Amino acid sequence: MSEPPELPYLPPVHDASQWQPLPPRGALFAAAGDATGTGIFFAIIGGVLALLPQLPHPVLGALGGALIGALLGAWFGWRRHRLTFWRLDSQALGVRRGHLWQSESHVPISRVQHLDLGRGPLQRAAGLATLTVHTAGTRLNTVAIAGLELADAERLRDRLARQLDHDDDAL
C-alpha cells in the first residue's frame, strides 16, 4: 500500500474564546508608569529616612530610594502587564490577572451598560488602547483593560456594543 500524501502544515485557527495576552510592547508603558509612581514614593521615603539620623546628604537617600523604587516599580509593572489576559466568548468578557494572587473577572454581556475606549498620546503612538466596560451594579462596576492592541479594543467594543443594541431592541 502506498503512503497517503503528507498534508501541508496549517497554523491553528485563532480561537477568540481562548485567553489572549496583551501585546508585549504595552509592557514598556506599564513598566514606565509603575516605575515613575513607585520611584517618587521611594524617593520621599528615602529622603525622610536619611533625615532621621541627620545624615549629611539626605539627597543621596532620596536618590537611592528613587532608584530602588523605579527598578521595583518597573519590574512589577512589566510582570503585571505580561500576566494579564482577556477573552470574549458568547456569554461574557473575561479578564485574568496575576500569578501569585490571581484574579479573574467575568462580565456577562447582559450586564454591560456602556463602553469607553481611551487612547493617550503614547498609546496612540504605540497602537494601543484602554477599553473600559461599565457594568450594572455598584460594587466593582467597571472593568478596564489597559494596553490592548487597538484592533482588539475596537473589535471588543464593537462586539459588546452590538450585543447591547440587540438586547435593547428585545425590550
N, C-alpha and C. Protein backbone atom coordinates (compact mmCIF):
# COMPACT_ATOMS: atom_id res chain seq x y z
N MET A 1 0.83 -1.18 0.00
CA MET A 1 0.00 0.00 0.00
C MET A 1 0.88 1.24 0.00
N SER A 2 0.41 2.22 -0.70
CA SER A 2 1.18 3.46 -0.75
C SER A 2 0.81 4.35 0.44
N GLU A 3 1.76 5.15 0.83
CA GLU A 3 1.55 6.08 1.95
C GLU A 3 0.66 7.23 1.47
N PRO A 4 -0.24 7.70 2.35
CA PRO A 4 -1.04 8.86 1.96
C PRO A 4 -0.15 10.08 1.82
N PRO A 5 -0.50 11.00 0.94
CA PRO A 5 0.35 12.18 0.75
C PRO A 5 0.37 13.02 2.03
N GLU A 6 1.52 13.59 2.30
CA GLU A 6 1.66 14.42 3.50
C GLU A 6 0.93 15.75 3.28
N LEU A 7 0.12 16.09 4.24
CA LEU A 7 -0.62 17.35 4.16
C LEU A 7 0.27 18.51 4.58
N PRO A 8 0.08 19.66 3.95
CA PRO A 8 0.89 20.82 4.36
C PRO A 8 0.49 21.27 5.76
N TYR A 9 1.45 21.87 6.45
CA TYR A 9 1.20 22.37 7.80
C TYR A 9 0.26 23.56 7.72
N LEU A 10 -0.79 23.52 8.51
CA LEU A 10 -1.69 24.66 8.62
C LEU A 10 -1.64 25.18 10.05
N PRO A 11 -1.42 26.48 10.23
CA PRO A 11 -1.37 27.00 11.60
C PRO A 11 -2.74 26.88 12.24
N PRO A 12 -2.78 26.78 13.57
CA PRO A 12 -4.08 26.66 14.24
C PRO A 12 -4.93 27.90 14.02
N VAL A 13 -6.21 27.69 13.97
CA VAL A 13 -7.14 28.80 13.78
C VAL A 13 -7.22 29.58 15.09
N HIS A 14 -7.20 30.91 14.99
CA HIS A 14 -7.30 31.77 16.17
C HIS A 14 -8.68 31.62 16.78
N ASP A 15 -8.73 31.18 18.00
CA ASP A 15 -9.99 30.99 18.70
C ASP A 15 -10.15 32.12 19.71
N ALA A 16 -11.10 33.01 19.46
CA ALA A 16 -11.29 34.19 20.31
C ALA A 16 -11.77 33.82 21.70
N SER A 17 -12.26 32.60 21.90
CA SER A 17 -12.72 32.22 23.22
C SER A 17 -11.57 31.79 24.13
N GLN A 18 -10.35 31.69 23.60
CA GLN A 18 -9.19 31.35 24.40
C GLN A 18 -8.61 32.62 25.02
N TRP A 19 -7.89 32.46 26.12
CA TRP A 19 -7.27 33.60 26.79
C TRP A 19 -6.21 34.22 25.89
N GLN A 20 -6.30 35.52 25.69
CA GLN A 20 -5.39 36.26 24.82
C GLN A 20 -4.47 37.13 25.67
N PRO A 21 -3.16 37.12 25.41
CA PRO A 21 -2.26 38.01 26.15
C PRO A 21 -2.33 39.43 25.61
N LEU A 22 -1.91 40.38 26.42
CA LEU A 22 -1.78 41.75 25.95
C LEU A 22 -0.52 41.83 25.10
N PRO A 23 -0.46 42.78 24.16
CA PRO A 23 0.74 42.87 23.30
C PRO A 23 1.98 43.23 24.11
N PRO A 24 3.12 42.63 23.78
CA PRO A 24 4.34 42.87 24.56
C PRO A 24 4.78 44.32 24.63
N ARG A 25 4.55 45.10 23.57
CA ARG A 25 5.02 46.49 23.60
C ARG A 25 4.30 47.33 24.65
N GLY A 26 3.14 46.90 25.09
CA GLY A 26 2.45 47.62 26.15
C GLY A 26 3.11 47.47 27.50
N ALA A 27 3.94 46.42 27.66
CA ALA A 27 4.63 46.20 28.93
C ALA A 27 5.60 47.34 29.23
N LEU A 28 6.17 47.95 28.20
CA LEU A 28 7.08 49.08 28.41
C LEU A 28 6.34 50.25 29.04
N PHE A 29 5.12 50.50 28.60
CA PHE A 29 4.33 51.61 29.16
C PHE A 29 3.91 51.30 30.60
N ALA A 30 3.54 50.06 30.86
CA ALA A 30 3.18 49.67 32.22
C ALA A 30 4.39 49.79 33.14
N ALA A 31 5.54 49.36 32.66
CA ALA A 31 6.76 49.44 33.47
C ALA A 31 7.13 50.90 33.75
N ALA A 32 7.05 51.76 32.73
CA ALA A 32 7.39 53.17 32.92
C ALA A 32 6.44 53.85 33.89
N GLY A 33 5.15 53.57 33.76
CA GLY A 33 4.17 54.18 34.66
C GLY A 33 4.37 53.76 36.10
N ASP A 34 4.56 52.48 36.33
CA ASP A 34 4.77 51.99 37.69
C ASP A 34 6.12 52.44 38.24
N ALA A 35 7.14 52.53 37.39
CA ALA A 35 8.45 52.99 37.84
C ALA A 35 8.38 54.43 38.31
N THR A 36 7.63 55.25 37.61
CA THR A 36 7.51 56.66 38.00
C THR A 36 6.83 56.80 39.35
N GLY A 37 5.68 56.18 39.50
CA GLY A 37 4.95 56.31 40.76
C GLY A 37 5.70 55.73 41.94
N THR A 38 6.25 54.54 41.78
CA THR A 38 6.97 53.89 42.87
C THR A 38 8.28 54.61 43.16
N GLY A 39 8.93 55.13 42.12
CA GLY A 39 10.18 55.87 42.31
C GLY A 39 9.98 57.13 43.12
N ILE A 40 8.90 57.85 42.85
CA ILE A 40 8.61 59.07 43.61
C ILE A 40 8.31 58.71 45.08
N PHE A 41 7.51 57.68 45.28
CA PHE A 41 7.18 57.26 46.65
C PHE A 41 8.44 56.86 47.42
N PHE A 42 9.30 56.06 46.81
CA PHE A 42 10.52 55.61 47.48
C PHE A 42 11.50 56.77 47.67
N ALA A 43 11.50 57.76 46.78
CA ALA A 43 12.36 58.93 46.94
C ALA A 43 11.97 59.70 48.19
N ILE A 44 10.68 59.86 48.40
CA ILE A 44 10.21 60.56 49.61
C ILE A 44 10.59 59.78 50.85
N ILE A 45 10.34 58.48 50.83
CA ILE A 45 10.69 57.64 51.98
C ILE A 45 12.19 57.67 52.23
N GLY A 46 13.00 57.55 51.18
CA GLY A 46 14.46 57.59 51.32
C GLY A 46 14.95 58.90 51.87
N GLY A 47 14.37 60.01 51.41
CA GLY A 47 14.76 61.33 51.92
C GLY A 47 14.41 61.50 53.38
N VAL A 48 13.21 61.05 53.77
CA VAL A 48 12.80 61.16 55.17
C VAL A 48 13.67 60.29 56.06
N LEU A 49 13.94 59.06 55.63
CA LEU A 49 14.78 58.17 56.43
C LEU A 49 16.20 58.71 56.56
N ALA A 50 16.69 59.39 55.54
CA ALA A 50 18.04 59.97 55.60
C ALA A 50 18.07 61.16 56.55
N LEU A 51 16.94 61.85 56.73
CA LEU A 51 16.89 62.98 57.64
C LEU A 51 16.83 62.55 59.10
N LEU A 52 16.23 61.40 59.38
CA LEU A 52 16.05 60.96 60.76
C LEU A 52 17.38 60.85 61.53
N PRO A 53 18.37 60.15 60.99
CA PRO A 53 19.64 60.10 61.75
C PRO A 53 20.53 61.32 61.44
N GLN A 54 19.96 62.30 60.76
CA GLN A 54 20.67 63.54 60.38
C GLN A 54 21.94 63.24 59.59
N LEU A 55 21.79 62.44 58.56
CA LEU A 55 22.90 62.15 57.66
C LEU A 55 23.26 63.42 56.90
N PRO A 56 24.53 63.57 56.51
CA PRO A 56 24.94 64.81 55.85
C PRO A 56 24.35 64.99 54.44
N HIS A 57 23.89 63.91 53.80
CA HIS A 57 23.40 64.01 52.44
C HIS A 57 22.04 63.34 52.28
N PRO A 58 20.96 63.98 52.74
CA PRO A 58 19.64 63.36 52.58
C PRO A 58 19.22 63.25 51.12
N VAL A 59 19.83 64.07 50.26
CA VAL A 59 19.51 63.99 48.83
C VAL A 59 19.95 62.63 48.27
N LEU A 60 21.09 62.13 48.77
CA LEU A 60 21.55 60.82 48.32
C LEU A 60 20.56 59.73 48.76
N GLY A 61 19.98 59.87 49.94
CA GLY A 61 18.96 58.92 50.39
C GLY A 61 17.74 58.96 49.49
N ALA A 62 17.35 60.18 49.09
CA ALA A 62 16.21 60.33 48.20
C ALA A 62 16.52 59.74 46.82
N LEU A 63 17.72 59.99 46.32
CA LEU A 63 18.10 59.45 45.01
C LEU A 63 18.20 57.93 45.04
N GLY A 64 18.76 57.40 46.13
CA GLY A 64 18.84 55.94 46.27
C GLY A 64 17.45 55.33 46.35
N GLY A 65 16.57 55.96 47.12
CA GLY A 65 15.19 55.49 47.22
C GLY A 65 14.49 55.55 45.87
N ALA A 66 14.72 56.64 45.14
CA ALA A 66 14.09 56.79 43.82
C ALA A 66 14.56 55.69 42.86
N LEU A 67 15.85 55.40 42.90
CA LEU A 67 16.40 54.36 42.02
C LEU A 67 15.83 52.99 42.37
N ILE A 68 15.83 52.66 43.65
CA ILE A 68 15.29 51.36 44.07
C ILE A 68 13.79 51.29 43.74
N GLY A 69 13.06 52.36 44.02
CA GLY A 69 11.62 52.38 43.72
C GLY A 69 11.33 52.26 42.24
N ALA A 70 12.14 52.95 41.42
CA ALA A 70 11.92 52.89 39.97
C ALA A 70 12.18 51.48 39.45
N LEU A 71 13.23 50.84 39.94
CA LEU A 71 13.52 49.47 39.49
C LEU A 71 12.43 48.50 39.93
N LEU A 72 12.02 48.60 41.18
CA LEU A 72 10.95 47.71 41.66
C LEU A 72 9.64 47.98 40.91
N GLY A 73 9.30 49.24 40.74
CA GLY A 73 8.06 49.60 40.05
C GLY A 73 8.06 49.12 38.61
N ALA A 74 9.20 49.28 37.93
CA ALA A 74 9.29 48.83 36.53
C ALA A 74 9.10 47.32 36.45
N TRP A 75 9.73 46.60 37.37
CA TRP A 75 9.61 45.14 37.35
C TRP A 75 8.16 44.71 37.61
N PHE A 76 7.52 45.31 38.63
CA PHE A 76 6.15 44.96 38.94
C PHE A 76 5.20 45.33 37.79
N GLY A 77 5.40 46.50 37.18
CA GLY A 77 4.55 46.89 36.06
C GLY A 77 4.70 45.96 34.87
N TRP A 78 5.94 45.59 34.58
CA TRP A 78 6.21 44.67 33.47
C TRP A 78 5.52 43.33 33.71
N ARG A 79 5.70 42.79 34.91
CA ARG A 79 5.09 41.50 35.24
C ARG A 79 3.56 41.56 35.23
N ARG A 80 3.01 42.63 35.79
CA ARG A 80 1.56 42.78 35.83
C ARG A 80 0.98 42.78 34.42
N HIS A 81 1.63 43.49 33.52
CA HIS A 81 1.16 43.54 32.13
C HIS A 81 1.28 42.18 31.45
N ARG A 82 2.41 41.52 31.65
CA ARG A 82 2.64 40.24 30.99
C ARG A 82 1.76 39.12 31.56
N LEU A 83 1.19 39.33 32.75
CA LEU A 83 0.33 38.33 33.37
C LEU A 83 -1.14 38.74 33.33
N THR A 84 -1.49 39.58 32.35
CA THR A 84 -2.89 39.97 32.15
C THR A 84 -3.37 39.39 30.83
N PHE A 85 -4.52 38.70 30.89
CA PHE A 85 -5.09 38.04 29.72
C PHE A 85 -6.57 38.39 29.63
N TRP A 86 -7.11 38.33 28.43
CA TRP A 86 -8.53 38.61 28.23
C TRP A 86 -9.11 37.59 27.26
N ARG A 87 -10.43 37.47 27.31
CA ARG A 87 -11.14 36.65 26.32
C ARG A 87 -12.59 37.11 26.26
N LEU A 88 -13.16 36.91 25.10
CA LEU A 88 -14.57 37.24 24.88
C LEU A 88 -15.21 36.02 24.25
N ASP A 89 -16.23 35.49 24.92
CA ASP A 89 -16.99 34.39 24.33
C ASP A 89 -18.43 34.85 24.17
N SER A 90 -19.31 33.96 23.86
CA SER A 90 -20.69 34.34 23.59
C SER A 90 -21.43 34.80 24.85
N GLN A 91 -20.89 34.50 26.02
CA GLN A 91 -21.57 34.83 27.27
C GLN A 91 -20.98 36.01 28.02
N ALA A 92 -19.64 36.17 27.98
CA ALA A 92 -19.02 37.15 28.87
C ALA A 92 -17.65 37.60 28.35
N LEU A 93 -17.23 38.73 28.88
CA LEU A 93 -15.87 39.21 28.72
C LEU A 93 -15.12 38.78 29.97
N GLY A 94 -13.98 38.14 29.80
CA GLY A 94 -13.18 37.70 30.94
C GLY A 94 -11.84 38.40 30.96
N VAL A 95 -11.38 38.73 32.17
CA VAL A 95 -10.06 39.32 32.37
C VAL A 95 -9.39 38.54 33.49
N ARG A 96 -8.19 38.05 33.22
CA ARG A 96 -7.42 37.28 34.20
C ARG A 96 -6.11 38.01 34.45
N ARG A 97 -5.81 38.21 35.74
CA ARG A 97 -4.60 38.93 36.12
C ARG A 97 -3.87 38.18 37.22
N GLY A 98 -2.55 38.33 37.23
CA GLY A 98 -1.76 37.88 38.37
C GLY A 98 -1.14 36.52 38.22
N HIS A 99 -0.22 36.27 39.17
CA HIS A 99 0.48 34.99 39.22
C HIS A 99 0.30 34.38 40.61
N LEU A 100 0.86 35.03 41.63
CA LEU A 100 0.67 34.53 42.98
C LEU A 100 -0.74 34.83 43.48
N TRP A 101 -1.14 36.09 43.35
CA TRP A 101 -2.50 36.50 43.71
C TRP A 101 -3.25 36.69 42.40
N GLN A 102 -4.00 35.70 42.04
CA GLN A 102 -4.71 35.74 40.77
C GLN A 102 -6.12 36.28 40.96
N SER A 103 -6.56 37.04 39.98
CA SER A 103 -7.95 37.48 39.96
C SER A 103 -8.50 37.21 38.57
N GLU A 104 -9.73 36.82 38.53
CA GLU A 104 -10.39 36.56 37.25
C GLU A 104 -11.77 37.19 37.33
N SER A 105 -12.02 38.11 36.41
CA SER A 105 -13.31 38.80 36.35
C SER A 105 -14.05 38.37 35.11
N HIS A 106 -15.33 38.11 35.27
CA HIS A 106 -16.19 37.79 34.13
C HIS A 106 -17.34 38.78 34.15
N VAL A 107 -17.49 39.49 33.04
CA VAL A 107 -18.57 40.45 32.90
C VAL A 107 -19.57 39.85 31.92
N PRO A 108 -20.73 39.41 32.42
CA PRO A 108 -21.74 38.91 31.49
C PRO A 108 -22.14 40.02 30.51
N ILE A 109 -22.27 39.66 29.27
CA ILE A 109 -22.60 40.66 28.26
C ILE A 109 -23.91 41.37 28.59
N SER A 110 -24.84 40.66 29.20
CA SER A 110 -26.13 41.26 29.54
C SER A 110 -26.00 42.33 30.62
N ARG A 111 -24.88 42.40 31.36
CA ARG A 111 -24.70 43.38 32.43
C ARG A 111 -23.95 44.63 31.96
N VAL A 112 -23.47 44.65 30.72
CA VAL A 112 -22.72 45.80 30.20
C VAL A 112 -23.67 46.98 30.00
N GLN A 113 -23.30 48.13 30.57
CA GLN A 113 -24.10 49.35 30.44
C GLN A 113 -23.59 50.24 29.31
N HIS A 114 -22.30 50.58 29.38
CA HIS A 114 -21.69 51.34 28.29
C HIS A 114 -20.20 51.08 28.26
N LEU A 115 -19.56 51.54 27.18
CA LEU A 115 -18.16 51.22 26.90
C LEU A 115 -17.39 52.49 26.59
N ASP A 116 -16.17 52.55 27.06
CA ASP A 116 -15.27 53.66 26.75
C ASP A 116 -13.99 53.10 26.15
N LEU A 117 -13.50 53.77 25.12
CA LEU A 117 -12.23 53.40 24.51
C LEU A 117 -11.33 54.62 24.64
N GLY A 118 -10.28 54.51 25.45
CA GLY A 118 -9.38 55.63 25.68
C GLY A 118 -8.01 55.39 25.08
N ARG A 119 -7.43 56.47 24.57
CA ARG A 119 -6.09 56.39 23.97
C ARG A 119 -5.35 57.68 24.24
N GLY A 120 -4.35 57.62 25.11
CA GLY A 120 -3.50 58.78 25.35
C GLY A 120 -2.50 58.93 24.21
N PRO A 121 -1.71 59.99 24.24
CA PRO A 121 -0.75 60.23 23.15
C PRO A 121 0.26 59.08 22.98
N LEU A 122 0.75 58.54 24.10
CA LEU A 122 1.72 57.45 23.98
C LEU A 122 1.05 56.17 23.49
N GLN A 123 -0.17 55.93 23.94
CA GLN A 123 -0.89 54.75 23.45
C GLN A 123 -1.18 54.88 21.96
N ARG A 124 -1.55 56.08 21.51
CA ARG A 124 -1.79 56.27 20.06
C ARG A 124 -0.53 55.99 19.26
N ALA A 125 0.60 56.48 19.77
CA ALA A 125 1.86 56.27 19.05
C ALA A 125 2.23 54.78 18.97
N ALA A 126 1.84 54.01 19.98
CA ALA A 126 2.18 52.58 20.01
C ALA A 126 1.07 51.70 19.45
N GLY A 127 -0.07 52.28 19.05
CA GLY A 127 -1.17 51.49 18.53
C GLY A 127 -1.90 50.70 19.60
N LEU A 128 -1.98 51.27 20.82
CA LEU A 128 -2.62 50.61 21.94
C LEU A 128 -3.84 51.41 22.39
N ALA A 129 -4.67 50.80 23.23
CA ALA A 129 -5.85 51.47 23.75
C ALA A 129 -6.25 50.85 25.08
N THR A 130 -7.09 51.58 25.82
CA THR A 130 -7.67 51.07 27.06
C THR A 130 -9.17 50.96 26.86
N LEU A 131 -9.70 49.77 27.05
CA LEU A 131 -11.14 49.54 26.97
C LEU A 131 -11.69 49.49 28.39
N THR A 132 -12.68 50.35 28.67
CA THR A 132 -13.33 50.36 29.96
C THR A 132 -14.78 49.93 29.76
N VAL A 133 -15.16 48.87 30.46
CA VAL A 133 -16.51 48.32 30.37
C VAL A 133 -17.23 48.68 31.67
N HIS A 134 -18.29 49.46 31.56
CA HIS A 134 -19.10 49.85 32.72
C HIS A 134 -20.27 48.88 32.81
N THR A 135 -20.48 48.35 34.01
CA THR A 135 -21.50 47.33 34.20
C THR A 135 -22.60 47.81 35.12
N ALA A 136 -23.69 47.07 35.12
CA ALA A 136 -24.77 47.33 36.06
C ALA A 136 -24.30 46.89 37.44
N GLY A 137 -24.67 47.63 38.45
CA GLY A 137 -24.28 47.28 39.81
C GLY A 137 -23.47 48.38 40.43
N THR A 138 -23.21 48.23 41.72
CA THR A 138 -22.49 49.27 42.44
C THR A 138 -21.09 48.84 42.84
N ARG A 139 -20.87 47.58 43.09
CA ARG A 139 -19.56 47.11 43.53
C ARG A 139 -18.77 46.62 42.33
N LEU A 140 -17.57 47.17 42.19
CA LEU A 140 -16.69 46.79 41.07
C LEU A 140 -17.44 46.91 39.74
N ASN A 141 -17.99 48.10 39.51
CA ASN A 141 -18.86 48.28 38.35
C ASN A 141 -18.12 48.65 37.07
N THR A 142 -16.80 48.64 37.08
CA THR A 142 -16.04 48.86 35.85
C THR A 142 -14.92 47.83 35.75
N VAL A 143 -14.66 47.45 34.53
CA VAL A 143 -13.51 46.59 34.23
C VAL A 143 -12.74 47.29 33.13
N ALA A 144 -11.47 47.58 33.40
CA ALA A 144 -10.63 48.25 32.41
C ALA A 144 -9.50 47.32 31.99
N ILE A 145 -9.26 47.30 30.70
CA ILE A 145 -8.14 46.52 30.16
C ILE A 145 -7.23 47.51 29.44
N ALA A 146 -6.12 47.85 30.08
CA ALA A 146 -5.16 48.80 29.52
C ALA A 146 -4.12 48.06 28.70
N GLY A 147 -3.65 48.69 27.64
CA GLY A 147 -2.59 48.11 26.83
C GLY A 147 -3.06 47.12 25.79
N LEU A 148 -4.34 47.19 25.43
CA LEU A 148 -4.86 46.32 24.37
C LEU A 148 -4.38 46.80 23.01
N GLU A 149 -4.20 45.87 22.11
CA GLU A 149 -3.97 46.21 20.71
C GLU A 149 -5.18 47.02 20.23
N LEU A 150 -4.98 48.11 19.48
CA LEU A 150 -6.09 48.96 19.06
C LEU A 150 -7.16 48.16 18.32
N ALA A 151 -6.75 47.29 17.42
CA ALA A 151 -7.73 46.50 16.65
C ALA A 151 -8.54 45.59 17.58
N ASP A 152 -7.89 45.00 18.58
CA ASP A 152 -8.62 44.15 19.53
C ASP A 152 -9.58 44.98 20.37
N ALA A 153 -9.15 46.15 20.82
CA ALA A 153 -10.02 47.01 21.63
C ALA A 153 -11.25 47.45 20.84
N GLU A 154 -11.04 47.83 19.58
CA GLU A 154 -12.18 48.23 18.75
C GLU A 154 -13.11 47.06 18.47
N ARG A 155 -12.54 45.89 18.23
CA ARG A 155 -13.35 44.71 17.97
C ARG A 155 -14.16 44.33 19.21
N LEU A 156 -13.54 44.36 20.38
CA LEU A 156 -14.26 44.07 21.62
C LEU A 156 -15.37 45.09 21.86
N ARG A 157 -15.05 46.36 21.69
CA ARG A 157 -16.05 47.42 21.87
C ARG A 157 -17.22 47.23 20.92
N ASP A 158 -16.93 46.98 19.66
CA ASP A 158 -17.99 46.84 18.67
C ASP A 158 -18.85 45.60 18.94
N ARG A 159 -18.21 44.51 19.32
CA ARG A 159 -18.97 43.29 19.60
C ARG A 159 -19.85 43.46 20.83
N LEU A 160 -19.32 44.05 21.88
CA LEU A 160 -20.11 44.28 23.09
C LEU A 160 -21.22 45.31 22.82
N ALA A 161 -20.93 46.35 22.06
CA ALA A 161 -21.95 47.35 21.73
C ALA A 161 -23.04 46.76 20.85
N ARG A 162 -22.68 45.91 19.92
CA ARG A 162 -23.67 45.26 19.07
C ARG A 162 -24.61 44.41 19.92
N GLN A 163 -24.05 43.72 20.91
CA GLN A 163 -24.88 42.92 21.80
C GLN A 163 -25.79 43.82 22.64
N LEU A 164 -25.27 44.98 23.06
CA LEU A 164 -26.10 45.93 23.81
C LEU A 164 -27.27 46.40 22.97
N ASP A 165 -27.01 46.75 21.72
CA ASP A 165 -28.08 47.19 20.81
C ASP A 165 -29.09 46.09 20.61
N HIS A 166 -28.62 44.86 20.45
CA HIS A 166 -29.51 43.72 20.24
C HIS A 166 -30.41 43.53 21.47
N ASP A 167 -29.83 43.63 22.67
CA ASP A 167 -30.59 43.46 23.90
C ASP A 167 -31.59 44.59 24.08
N ASP A 168 -31.23 45.82 23.71
CA ASP A 168 -32.16 46.95 23.83
C ASP A 168 -33.34 46.79 22.89
N ASP A 169 -33.11 46.24 21.71
CA ASP A 169 -34.19 46.04 20.74
C ASP A 169 -35.19 44.97 21.24
N ALA A 170 -34.69 44.04 22.05
CA ALA A 170 -35.56 42.96 22.52
C ALA A 170 -36.53 43.44 23.58
N LEU A 171 -36.23 44.58 24.22
CA LEU A 171 -37.13 45.09 25.25
C LEU A 171 -38.27 45.74 24.61
